[in-house]
Amino acid sequence: MMQCSECEHFKRGSDGRALFKCDPFANIMEPECLVKWQLLRTTELSQKMNRMVAGYEATLEIYKRMQPLQEKMFRHMEHEIDDIEEGDAWKLGGEEDDDEDEEKGAY
């Protein structure tokens, strides 16, 4: 079995990382190369998934920290809306009075 470092499709980057130029559909040298390529691909995908999970967990943590502030803001907004509705109630007159007037006029 040939080692990857001996293969013509293997290069070592300037930072020391291994760079593979193999294509499983075109230039696999030995059957074991395909197994190694699959292992590398699986490792790469698991690293991406770990980063995605870490990002999701960080987002959840931010939402947990924001939850009390959001609840306080919603209570404040509800209070403001109630105050505005209460202040505008005189413009509408009493809704009960309107119903009584409509009943009287109907007869």
Protein backbone atom coordinates (compact mmCIF):
# COMPACT_ATOMS: atom_id res chain seq x y z
CA MET A 1 0.00 0.00 0.00
CA MET A 2 1.36 3.38 -1.01
CA GLN A 3 1.53 6.13 1.60
CA CYS A 4 -0.19 9.39 0.77
CA SER A 5 3.07 11.30 1.24
CA GLU A 6 4.60 9.25 -1.62
CA CYS A 7 1.72 9.91 -4.03
CA GLU A 8 1.98 12.38 -6.91
CA HIS A 9 -1.37 13.96 -5.87
CA PHE A 10 -0.10 14.85 -2.39
CA LYS A 11 1.38 18.26 -1.60
CA ARG A 12 2.51 19.80 1.67
CA GLY A 13 1.40 23.41 2.11
CA SER A 14 3.64 26.25 3.32
CA ASP A 15 1.99 26.01 6.74
CA GLY A 16 2.67 22.27 6.95
CA ARG A 17 -0.87 21.14 6.18
CA ALA A 18 -1.42 18.19 3.88
CA LEU A 19 -3.10 19.06 0.58
CA PHE A 20 -4.71 16.28 -1.42
CA LYS A 21 -5.44 16.75 -5.10
CA CYS A 22 -6.95 13.31 -5.56
CA ASP A 23 -10.29 12.94 -7.27
CA PRO A 24 -12.10 9.69 -6.41
CA PHE A 25 -13.70 9.61 -9.87
CA ALA A 26 -10.59 10.30 -11.94
CA ASN A 27 -7.18 9.64 -10.42
CA ILE A 28 -7.28 7.21 -7.50
CA MET A 29 -4.01 5.28 -7.48
CA GLU A 30 -4.99 2.32 -5.25
CA PRO A 31 -8.22 0.97 -3.76
CA GLU A 32 -7.06 2.04 -0.29
CA CYS A 33 -6.91 5.62 -1.55
CA LEU A 34 -10.68 5.66 -1.84
CA VAL A 35 -11.05 4.51 1.77
CA LYS A 36 -8.61 7.21 2.93
CA TRP A 37 -10.40 9.82 0.83
CA GLN A 38 -13.75 8.81 2.39
CA LEU A 39 -12.22 9.06 5.86
CA LEU A 40 -10.88 12.54 5.13
CA ARG A 41 -14.24 13.65 3.75
CA THR A 42 -16.11 12.26 6.78
CA THR A 43 -13.72 14.05 9.12
CA GLU A 44 -14.13 17.30 7.21
CA LEU A 45 -17.93 17.05 7.34
CA SER A 46 -17.93 16.26 11.06
CA GLN A 47 -15.78 19.35 11.70
CA LYS A 48 -18.24 21.49 9.74
CA MET A 49 -21.14 20.02 11.67
CA ASN A 50 -19.38 20.71 14.98
CA ARG A 51 -18.93 24.35 13.95
CA MET A 52 -22.61 24.58 13.00
CA VAL A 53 -23.68 23.11 16.35
CA ALA A 54 -21.38 25.50 18.20
CA GLY A 55 -22.89 28.43 16.29
CA TYR A 56 -26.42 27.24 17.08
CA GLU A 57 -25.59 26.85 20.77
CA ALA A 58 -24.08 30.35 20.84
CA THR A 59 -27.27 31.71 19.25
CA LEU A 60 -29.40 29.94 21.88
CA GLU A 61 -27.23 31.41 24.63
CA ILE A 62 -27.76 34.92 23.26
CA TYR A 63 -31.52 34.32 23.09
CA LYS A 64 -31.52 33.13 26.72
CA ARG A 65 -29.71 36.30 27.79
CA MET A 66 -32.10 38.50 25.79
CA GLN A 67 -35.29 36.83 27.08
CA PRO A 68 -35.66 38.90 30.30
CA LEU A 69 -35.04 42.11 28.37
CA GLN A 70 -37.61 41.16 25.74
CA GLU A 71 -40.21 40.33 28.38
CA LYS A 72 -39.59 43.66 30.12
CA MET A 73 -39.85 45.49 26.79
CA PHE A 74 -43.15 43.73 25.92
CA ARG A 75 -44.64 44.60 29.34
CA HIS A 76 -43.59 48.22 28.85
CA MET A 77 -45.10 48.32 25.36
CA GLU A 78 -48.37 46.78 26.62
CA HIS A 79 -48.48 49.39 29.38
CA GLU A 80 -47.91 52.19 26.85
CA ILE A 81 -50.61 50.83 24.53
CA ASP A 82 -53.06 50.56 27.44
CA ASP A 83 -52.28 54.16 28.43
CA ILE A 84 -52.88 55.37 24.86
CA GLU A 85 -56.15 53.46 24.60
CA GLU A 86 -57.27 54.83 27.95
CA GLY A 87 -56.37 58.36 26.88
CA ASP A 88 -58.27 57.99 23.60
CA ALA A 89 -61.36 56.50 25.23
CA TRP A 90 -63.00 59.96 25.52
CA LYS A 91 -62.87 60.30 21.71
CA LEU A 92 -64.95 57.20 21.25
CA GLY A 93 -67.48 58.09 23.91
CA GLY A 94 -68.67 55.14 25.87
CA GLU A 95 -69.26 52.04 23.84
CA GLU A 96 -72.07 51.12 26.23
CA ASP A 97 -73.78 54.48 25.59
CA ASP A 98 -73.66 53.91 21.82
CA ASP A 99 -75.35 50.54 22.21
CA GLU A 100 -78.14 52.08 24.31
CA ASP A 101 -78.68 54.87 21.76
CA GLU A 102 -78.92 52.37 18.93
CA GLU A 103 -81.46 50.34 20.85
CA LYS A 104 -83.63 53.41 21.52
CA GLY A 105 -83.50 54.53 17.92
CA ALA A 106 -84.46 51.11 16.65
CA TYR A 107 -87.95 51.30 18.19
